[in-house]
Amino acid sequence: MVLAELDWREVLYIRATCKSLCSASRSRYVWRTQYQRLSDGYDTPLNTKDNMATCAELERDTLHWARVQRNWVSKSKRPTRRLACKSSAVQLHLLQGGRWLLANGRDPCLDVYDLNLMDSQPCVLIRPPDKRGGRVTQYAIDERYTLPNIEVSIALVRQHAYERPGRLSIWKITNTDSDTLVARRVTSFNTYTTQLCFAMDLRGDYFARCVPLLSGGRTWYIDVYNWRSSCSLIHRKTTIILNERVDTVRILPGHRILGLGEEDVRIYAIDASDFPPVPGKHPISAGPPAMPLHTLALPGLKPHIHSPLHYDRMGNAHLYLLSAEAVVKFMVPYEDRPPMAVNYMPYTWDDAIFCVLGLHHAFVQTYGNSPKRTAISFARDHGEHCLKTWEAPTARDYGFLLLDDYSGRIIEQTEDNVFLIDYPLT
């Protein structure tokens, strides 16, 4: 159809001005083509639409992404910044869509904030059955792209700061018809750890976390749990002993673990047949260090700064990393082949920068003598038109960043406050 070859703006103009072509402008083929063209403009494509996607859904998402893209790189548009809530949470997570913010500020509960409200107040989403106080909670998220619906699995680890036994619980979070979030516990069991852990991941039936074997020691290990086969007193897990520290772990398809260190990236194998039952208070058994399947040197890698994982149709995993000299596009083949890394965009890192990477955008805050903010769009034809920089206020409010690609919203966490940096969809 001729309309499919036009720009989406022209399609909307024809709908408004030509009555005879109004029906054709609502064709599923037209808007599927428009969505695919917009997706092809990004270095990492947008989520694939299957044959069940309706014309209304395709048109809605096409127009949404077009507005986000236009606002993100437009030189004349700057985002607004406002106080979203007051929170000193240890960990924050912005769910897909940019509306719901998870926070573990009121220990030991998990709170949720509705960022669509101007003065969002915390609501308890998950309250543990054990009422003991003084607990430290960490969590990992496994999100499925189901917008506008929410379908999230979350692993919560609860333990006292000086107690080795802890409790791992798996929950499923969904949204309701009344426009709120609810959480349902799937399973929970006791587990053993040597220290508190913040490097963890949840994907499918597996939960992984990396902690030091002994306090102050050089030996680290990754515990991988098959939580679906675990129960209250006995859980199933396998342990990977490391001879080098990793700061971030990600579970990959094909029973593999991705570990990010400060100088390299390593991939380890998970023996899917070796998940023995383990009592909840059973200590870690030290063994010989595991040899990684693959190692790729990336000097100056910032292991805590990375995008979410994207899986293409072949099952290959893609993500963006930040090294000392560039934003790096990293790819792990689905088959057991070595990973590959290419410098996507040169960028010099220093200690005066806060950065967050998404699959389609990045946001950088630079402080010092001339503080500034930079918005970056990850387009295939990356160039100056994909960068927007503007002066920023004083640096005292700068802090940890979160980014939601779909909404273009950015969360900035300082010591006691959470700010929302938002691009209005106009």
Protein backbone atom coordinates (compact mmCIF):
# COMPACT_ATOMS: atom_id res chain seq x y z
CA MET A 1 0.00 0.00 0.00
CA VAL A 2 1.15 3.53 -0.78
CA LEU A 3 0.33 4.78 2.73
CA ALA A 4 2.81 2.32 4.23
CA GLU A 5 5.66 4.07 2.42
CA LEU A 6 4.79 7.46 3.90
CA ASP A 7 5.99 8.93 7.18
CA TRP A 8 3.69 8.40 10.15
CA ARG A 9 3.02 12.15 10.27
CA GLU A 10 1.80 12.05 6.69
CA VAL A 11 -0.46 9.10 7.45
CA LEU A 12 -2.11 11.05 10.27
CA TYR A 13 -2.43 14.12 8.03
CA ILE A 14 -4.16 12.09 5.30
CA ARG A 15 -6.52 10.60 7.87
CA ALA A 16 -7.53 14.07 9.01
CA THR A 17 -7.89 15.61 5.54
CA CYS A 18 -8.98 12.83 3.16
CA LYS A 19 -12.22 11.07 4.05
CA SER A 20 -11.85 8.45 1.30
CA LEU A 21 -8.47 7.31 2.67
CA CYS A 22 -9.42 7.47 6.36
CA SER A 23 -10.19 3.76 6.50
CA ALA A 24 -6.96 2.84 4.71
CA SER A 25 -4.97 4.88 7.24
CA ARG A 26 -6.18 2.50 9.96
CA SER A 27 -4.84 -0.58 8.19
CA ARG A 28 -2.84 -3.03 10.27
CA TYR A 29 -0.33 -3.40 7.43
CA VAL A 30 0.30 0.35 7.36
CA TRP A 31 1.05 0.61 11.06
CA ARG A 32 3.04 -2.61 11.21
CA THR A 33 5.29 -1.14 8.50
CA GLN A 34 5.52 2.16 10.38
CA TYR A 35 6.49 0.37 13.61
CA GLN A 36 9.10 -1.75 11.85
CA ARG A 37 10.64 1.32 10.20
CA LEU A 38 10.90 3.06 13.56
CA SER A 39 12.39 -0.07 15.13
CA ASP A 40 14.98 -0.38 12.35
CA GLY A 41 16.22 3.12 13.16
CA TYR A 42 17.63 1.95 16.50
CA ASP A 43 20.86 0.04 16.86
CA THR A 44 18.93 -2.46 19.01
CA PRO A 45 15.44 -3.08 17.58
CA LEU A 46 12.28 -2.46 19.55
CA ASN A 47 10.28 -5.38 20.93
CA THR A 48 8.97 -7.51 18.09
CA LYS A 49 5.24 -7.41 17.46
CA ASP A 50 3.69 -10.80 16.74
CA ASN A 51 0.75 -11.58 14.47
CA MET A 52 -1.66 -11.11 17.38
CA ALA A 53 -0.90 -7.38 17.66
CA THR A 54 -3.91 -5.30 16.63
CA CYS A 55 -3.84 -2.22 14.43
CA ALA A 56 -4.71 -0.03 17.42
CA GLU A 57 -1.80 -1.49 19.43
CA LEU A 58 0.64 -1.01 16.55
CA GLU A 59 -0.47 2.58 16.00
CA ARG A 60 -0.33 3.36 19.72
CA ASP A 61 3.20 2.03 20.14
CA THR A 62 4.46 3.61 16.91
CA LEU A 63 3.24 7.06 17.93
CA HIS A 64 4.53 6.58 21.47
CA TRP A 65 8.07 5.64 20.39
CA ALA A 66 8.09 8.40 17.76
CA ARG A 67 7.30 11.00 20.43
CA VAL A 68 9.89 9.61 22.83
CA GLN A 69 12.50 9.65 20.07
CA ARG A 70 11.63 13.20 19.04
CA ASN A 71 11.70 14.59 22.59
CA TRP A 72 14.88 12.74 23.52
CA VAL A 73 17.10 14.28 20.84
CA SER A 74 15.29 17.54 20.09
CA LYS A 75 17.63 20.47 20.78
CA SER A 76 14.71 22.69 21.77
CA LYS A 77 13.23 20.31 24.35
CA ARG A 78 14.60 19.76 27.83
CA PRO A 79 13.17 17.43 30.44
CA THR A 80 11.58 18.65 33.61
CA ARG A 81 13.01 17.63 36.99
CA ARG A 82 10.88 17.35 40.09
CA LEU A 83 10.98 15.70 43.49
CA ALA A 84 9.18 12.38 43.10
CA CYS A 85 9.42 11.17 46.70
CA LYS A 86 11.58 11.16 49.79
CA SER A 87 13.35 7.85 50.29
CA SER A 88 16.69 6.57 51.53
CA ALA A 89 16.16 3.12 50.03
CA VAL A 90 19.13 0.80 49.66
CA GLN A 91 17.89 -0.35 46.26
CA LEU A 92 15.49 1.12 43.70
CA HIS A 93 14.04 -0.41 40.55
CA LEU A 94 11.96 1.32 37.88
CA LEU A 95 9.51 -1.10 36.25
CA GLN A 96 8.97 -1.06 32.50
CA GLY A 97 6.65 1.74 31.52
CA GLY A 98 8.20 4.22 33.96
CA ARG A 99 5.23 4.46 36.31
CA TRP A 100 6.04 2.14 39.23
CA LEU A 101 9.15 2.50 41.38
CA LEU A 102 10.11 -0.30 43.78
CA ALA A 103 12.08 0.60 46.92
CA ASN A 104 13.21 -1.27 50.03
CA GLY A 105 13.31 1.78 52.26
CA ARG A 106 11.01 0.70 55.09
CA ASP A 107 12.87 -2.37 56.17
CA PRO A 108 11.86 -5.17 55.94
CA CYS A 109 8.99 -4.25 53.59
CA LEU A 110 9.16 -3.66 49.86
CA ASP A 111 7.42 -0.41 48.92
CA VAL A 112 6.06 0.85 45.61
CA TYR A 113 5.65 4.46 44.44
CA ASP A 114 3.27 5.64 41.70
CA LEU A 115 5.32 8.21 39.77
CA ASN A 116 2.27 9.43 37.87
CA LEU A 117 1.23 11.17 41.09
CA MET A 118 2.80 14.53 41.85
CA ASP A 119 3.30 13.67 45.53
CA SER A 120 3.73 9.91 45.59
CA GLN A 121 3.55 8.19 48.97
CA PRO A 122 4.99 4.72 49.64
CA CYS A 123 2.59 1.79 49.60
CA VAL A 124 3.63 -1.56 51.05
CA LEU A 125 3.75 -4.09 48.22
CA ILE A 126 5.37 -7.03 50.05
CA ARG A 127 5.31 -7.48 53.82
CA PRO A 128 7.27 -10.45 55.21
CA PRO A 129 5.46 -12.87 57.51
CA ASP A 130 8.41 -12.62 59.92
CA LYS A 131 8.04 -9.35 61.86
CA ARG A 132 11.61 -9.19 63.15
CA GLY A 133 13.28 -5.85 62.51
CA GLY A 134 16.80 -4.85 61.57
CA ARG A 135 16.82 -6.78 58.34
CA VAL A 136 18.57 -5.95 55.09
CA THR A 137 16.65 -6.70 51.91
CA GLN A 138 18.06 -7.10 48.43
CA TYR A 139 16.14 -8.19 45.37
CA ALA A 140 16.47 -9.16 41.72
CA ILE A 141 13.88 -8.65 38.98
CA ASP A 142 12.84 -10.75 35.98
CA GLU A 143 10.58 -8.60 33.77
CA ARG A 144 8.56 -9.74 30.79
CA TYR A 145 7.56 -7.20 28.17
CA THR A 146 3.78 -7.25 28.52
CA LEU A 147 2.97 -3.50 28.52
CA PRO A 148 0.52 -2.02 29.28
CA ASN A 149 0.14 -4.97 31.67
CA ILE A 150 2.75 -5.64 34.36
CA GLU A 151 4.11 -9.16 34.84
CA VAL A 152 7.23 -9.29 37.00
CA SER A 153 8.96 -12.00 39.00
CA ILE A 154 11.05 -10.81 41.94
CA ALA A 155 13.47 -12.62 44.24
CA LEU A 156 13.74 -11.14 47.74
CA VAL A 157 16.66 -11.98 50.02
CA ARG A 158 16.13 -11.21 53.70
CA GLN A 159 18.74 -11.62 56.40
CA HIS A 160 20.24 -9.85 59.39
CA ALA A 161 23.50 -8.07 58.70
CA TYR A 162 25.46 -10.40 61.00
CA GLU A 163 23.59 -13.67 60.50
CA ARG A 164 24.59 -16.16 57.85
CA PRO A 165 21.26 -17.94 57.39
CA GLY A 166 18.88 -15.94 55.22
CA ARG A 167 15.59 -16.46 53.46
CA LEU A 168 14.95 -16.30 49.73
CA SER A 169 11.40 -15.77 48.52
CA ILE A 170 10.05 -15.60 44.97
CA TRP A 171 7.05 -13.38 44.24
CA LYS A 172 4.99 -12.54 41.18
CA ILE A 173 3.88 -8.91 40.74
CA THR A 174 0.98 -7.98 38.45
CA ASN A 175 -1.33 -5.01 37.98
CA THR A 176 -5.05 -5.12 38.70
CA ASP A 177 -8.18 -3.69 37.14
CA SER A 178 -8.19 -1.05 39.88
CA ASP A 179 -4.85 0.32 38.59
CA THR A 180 -2.68 -0.92 41.46
CA LEU A 181 0.04 -3.54 41.88
CA VAL A 182 -0.37 -6.77 43.82
CA ALA A 183 2.22 -9.37 44.82
CA ARG A 184 1.69 -13.11 45.26
CA ARG A 185 4.27 -15.35 46.91
CA VAL A 186 5.29 -18.32 44.78
CA THR A 187 7.78 -20.03 47.10
CA SER A 188 10.31 -19.33 49.86
CA PHE A 189 13.10 -21.23 51.61
CA ASN A 190 16.03 -20.76 53.97
CA THR A 191 19.53 -20.48 52.55
CA TYR A 192 23.10 -19.96 53.73
CA THR A 193 25.51 -17.19 52.77
CA THR A 194 28.80 -15.89 54.08
CA GLN A 195 28.04 -12.18 53.64
CA LEU A 196 25.45 -9.74 52.39
CA CYS A 197 25.25 -9.77 48.61
CA PHE A 198 24.24 -7.19 46.03
CA ALA A 199 25.37 -8.94 42.81
CA MET A 200 22.41 -11.11 41.85
CA ASP A 201 20.07 -11.97 39.00
CA LEU A 202 16.76 -13.76 38.39
CA ARG A 203 15.75 -15.37 35.11
CA GLY A 204 13.21 -18.11 34.54
CA ASP A 205 13.66 -20.92 37.06
CA TYR A 206 17.10 -19.75 38.18
CA PHE A 207 18.35 -17.23 40.75
CA ALA A 208 22.08 -16.43 41.00
CA ARG A 209 24.15 -14.36 43.41
CA CYS A 210 27.87 -13.76 43.87
CA VAL A 211 29.48 -13.27 47.30
CA PRO A 212 32.96 -13.75 48.84
CA LEU A 213 33.59 -17.18 50.33
CA LEU A 214 35.30 -15.70 53.42
CA SER A 215 35.19 -12.17 54.83
CA GLY A 216 37.98 -10.17 53.21
CA GLY A 217 39.13 -13.17 51.18
CA ARG A 218 39.99 -13.33 47.51
CA THR A 219 37.87 -16.37 46.73
CA TRP A 220 34.37 -15.70 45.46
CA TYR A 221 31.55 -17.98 44.50
CA ILE A 222 28.27 -17.85 42.57
CA ASP A 223 25.30 -19.73 44.00
CA VAL A 224 22.76 -20.71 41.35
CA TYR A 225 19.36 -21.82 42.71
CA ASN A 226 16.69 -23.79 40.92
CA TRP A 227 13.96 -22.09 42.92
CA ARG A 228 11.06 -23.84 41.21
CA SER A 229 12.32 -27.22 42.48
CA SER A 230 13.00 -25.91 46.00
CA CYS A 231 10.79 -26.00 49.08
CA SER A 232 10.74 -24.47 52.55
CA LEU A 233 13.48 -26.45 54.33
CA ILE A 234 15.39 -27.93 51.38
CA HIS A 235 16.50 -26.02 48.32
CA ARG A 236 18.37 -27.03 45.18
CA LYS A 237 21.46 -25.16 44.13
CA THR A 238 24.85 -25.52 42.50
CA THR A 239 27.93 -23.48 43.38
CA ILE A 240 30.55 -22.04 41.03
CA ILE A 241 33.84 -21.21 42.79
CA LEU A 242 35.71 -18.24 41.32
CA ASN A 243 39.32 -17.18 41.62
CA GLU A 244 38.51 -13.61 40.59
CA ARG A 245 35.81 -11.24 41.73
CA VAL A 246 32.84 -10.33 39.55
CA ASP A 247 30.71 -7.30 40.38
CA THR A 248 27.68 -8.13 38.22
CA VAL A 249 26.14 -11.48 37.27
CA ARG A 250 23.53 -12.20 34.59
CA ILE A 251 21.88 -15.52 33.78
CA LEU A 252 22.10 -16.40 30.08
CA PRO A 253 20.20 -18.93 27.96
CA GLY A 254 21.92 -22.26 27.48
CA HIS A 255 22.71 -22.71 31.20
CA ARG A 256 25.40 -20.04 31.38
CA ILE A 257 26.36 -17.19 33.72
CA LEU A 258 27.74 -13.85 32.56
CA GLY A 259 30.12 -12.19 35.02
CA LEU A 260 31.37 -8.61 34.69
CA GLY A 261 34.65 -7.66 36.35
CA GLU A 262 36.71 -4.49 36.24
CA GLU A 263 39.00 -5.69 33.45
CA ASP A 264 37.17 -8.47 31.65
CA VAL A 265 33.94 -10.33 30.96
CA ARG A 266 33.67 -14.03 31.80
CA ILE A 267 31.10 -16.68 30.94
CA TYR A 268 30.68 -19.75 33.15
CA ALA A 269 28.74 -22.95 32.57
CA ILE A 270 25.88 -24.10 34.80
CA ASP A 271 25.59 -27.86 35.17
CA ALA A 272 21.82 -28.22 34.81
CA SER A 273 21.99 -31.84 35.99
CA ASP A 274 23.79 -30.96 39.24
CA PHE A 275 21.31 -29.21 41.53
CA PRO A 276 21.55 -31.35 44.70
CA PRO A 277 19.15 -30.75 47.60
CA VAL A 278 20.77 -28.63 50.32
CA PRO A 279 19.52 -27.91 53.88
CA GLY A 280 18.83 -24.27 54.58
CA LYS A 281 21.70 -23.82 57.06
CA HIS A 282 24.27 -25.92 55.19
CA PRO A 283 27.57 -23.97 54.80
CA ILE A 284 29.30 -23.44 51.48
CA SER A 285 31.64 -26.26 50.44
CA ALA A 286 34.84 -24.88 48.98
CA GLY A 287 36.22 -26.58 45.89
CA PRO A 288 38.55 -25.92 42.98
CA PRO A 289 37.86 -22.73 41.02
CA ALA A 290 35.77 -23.18 37.90
CA MET A 291 37.35 -22.37 34.56
CA PRO A 292 35.30 -19.92 32.51
CA LEU A 293 34.02 -21.04 29.13
CA HIS A 294 35.11 -17.74 27.61
CA THR A 295 36.97 -14.65 28.76
CA LEU A 296 37.08 -11.32 26.93
CA ALA A 297 39.35 -8.52 28.13
CA LEU A 298 37.73 -5.07 28.38
CA PRO A 299 40.19 -2.78 30.21
CA GLY A 300 38.58 -0.12 32.36
CA LEU A 301 35.17 -1.80 32.31
CA LYS A 302 32.57 -0.27 34.64
CA PRO A 303 30.80 -3.48 35.74
CA HIS A 304 27.91 -1.74 37.49
CA ILE A 305 26.93 0.28 34.40
CA HIS A 306 25.20 -1.80 31.74
CA SER A 307 21.95 -1.98 29.83
CA PRO A 308 19.31 -4.69 30.20
CA LEU A 309 19.77 -7.81 28.09
CA HIS A 310 18.14 -8.01 24.66
CA TYR A 311 17.60 -11.33 22.87
CA ASP A 312 17.35 -11.41 19.09
CA ARG A 313 15.42 -13.98 17.06
CA MET A 314 18.42 -16.32 17.03
CA GLY A 315 18.61 -16.28 20.83
CA ASN A 316 21.82 -14.22 20.95
CA ALA A 317 22.10 -11.90 23.95
CA HIS A 318 23.02 -8.22 23.44
CA LEU A 319 23.77 -5.47 25.94
CA TYR A 320 25.68 -2.20 26.17
CA LEU A 321 28.63 -1.79 28.54
CA LEU A 322 30.80 1.16 29.49
CA SER A 323 34.58 0.89 29.27
CA ALA A 324 37.22 3.54 29.92
CA GLU A 325 37.04 4.80 26.34
CA ALA A 326 33.69 3.93 24.80
CA VAL A 327 30.17 2.62 25.04
CA VAL A 328 30.66 -1.01 24.03
CA LYS A 329 28.10 -3.20 22.29
CA PHE A 330 28.52 -6.73 23.65
CA MET A 331 27.04 -9.88 22.11
CA VAL A 332 26.92 -13.42 23.51
CA PRO A 333 25.98 -16.05 20.88
CA TYR A 334 23.26 -18.52 21.83
CA GLU A 335 25.55 -21.37 20.85
CA ASP A 336 28.74 -21.98 22.79
CA ARG A 337 30.89 -19.57 20.80
CA PRO A 338 33.13 -16.75 22.06
CA PRO A 339 31.43 -13.43 22.83
CA MET A 340 32.10 -10.35 20.72
CA ALA A 341 32.48 -6.68 21.63
CA VAL A 342 32.66 -3.60 19.41
CA ASN A 343 33.04 0.05 20.36
CA TYR A 344 29.67 1.56 19.53
CA MET A 345 30.40 5.15 20.53
CA PRO A 346 33.59 6.76 21.89
CA TYR A 347 33.12 8.20 25.35
CA THR A 348 35.71 9.15 27.95
CA TRP A 349 34.93 8.12 31.51
CA ASP A 350 36.10 9.99 34.58
CA ASP A 351 35.12 10.13 38.23
CA ALA A 352 32.94 13.20 37.65
CA ILE A 353 30.26 11.33 35.72
CA PHE A 354 27.06 9.48 36.56
CA CYS A 355 25.79 7.38 33.66
CA VAL A 356 22.90 5.02 32.95
CA LEU A 357 22.54 2.82 29.85
CA GLY A 358 19.32 1.54 28.30
CA LEU A 359 18.83 -0.50 25.15
CA HIS A 360 17.82 2.56 23.11
CA HIS A 361 19.02 5.56 25.14
CA ALA A 362 21.67 6.69 27.59
CA PHE A 363 21.79 9.56 30.06
CA VAL A 364 24.97 11.12 31.44
CA GLN A 365 25.46 13.68 34.22
CA THR A 366 28.80 15.46 34.46
CA TYR A 367 29.60 17.58 37.48
CA GLY A 368 32.53 19.80 38.37
CA ASN A 369 33.38 23.28 37.12
CA SER A 370 30.86 23.09 34.26
CA PRO A 371 28.10 20.63 35.18
CA LYS A 372 26.01 19.37 32.29
CA ARG A 373 23.58 16.66 31.26
CA THR A 374 23.74 14.67 28.02
CA ALA A 375 20.95 12.61 26.43
CA ILE A 376 22.05 9.99 23.88
CA SER A 377 19.93 8.03 21.41
CA PHE A 378 21.32 4.68 20.24
CA ALA A 379 20.50 5.01 16.53
CA ARG A 380 21.94 2.92 13.69
CA ASP A 381 23.32 6.04 12.00
CA HIS A 382 24.76 7.36 15.24
CA GLY A 383 26.03 10.93 14.93
CA GLU A 384 25.80 14.39 16.41
CA HIS A 385 22.04 14.43 15.79
CA CYS A 386 21.73 11.69 18.43
CA LEU A 387 23.35 13.77 21.18
CA LYS A 388 21.80 16.57 23.20
CA THR A 389 23.74 18.42 25.91
CA TRP A 390 22.63 21.24 28.19
CA GLU A 391 23.88 22.98 31.30
CA ALA A 392 22.85 21.50 34.63
CA PRO A 393 22.26 23.06 38.06
CA THR A 394 24.74 22.77 40.88
CA ALA A 395 26.23 19.34 41.44
CA ARG A 396 25.14 18.82 45.04
CA ASP A 397 21.93 17.05 43.95
CA TYR A 398 23.57 14.52 41.63
CA GLY A 399 23.23 10.83 42.39
CA PHE A 400 22.53 7.28 41.23
CA LEU A 401 20.50 7.00 37.99
CA LEU A 402 17.81 4.68 36.59
CA LEU A 403 16.36 4.82 33.06
CA ASP A 404 13.19 3.48 31.47
CA ASP A 405 13.48 3.33 27.67
CA TYR A 406 9.76 3.06 27.00
CA SER A 407 8.70 6.23 28.81
CA GLY A 408 12.00 8.10 28.58
CA ARG A 409 11.84 8.69 32.33
CA ILE A 410 14.97 8.95 34.45
CA ILE A 411 15.22 8.42 38.20
CA GLU A 412 17.92 10.25 40.14
CA GLN A 413 18.52 9.03 43.69
CA THR A 414 20.38 11.24 46.15
CA GLU A 415 20.98 10.61 49.84
CA ASP A 416 17.41 11.23 50.99
CA ASN A 417 15.45 12.21 47.87
CA VAL A 418 14.33 10.65 44.61
CA PHE A 419 13.97 12.98 41.62
CA LEU A 420 12.07 12.28 38.41
CA ILE A 421 13.54 13.62 35.16
CA ASP A 422 10.77 13.39 32.60
CA TYR A 423 10.33 14.17 28.91
CA PRO A 424 6.68 15.15 28.41
CA LEU A 425 5.15 13.23 25.48
CA THR A 426 3.99 16.22 23.44
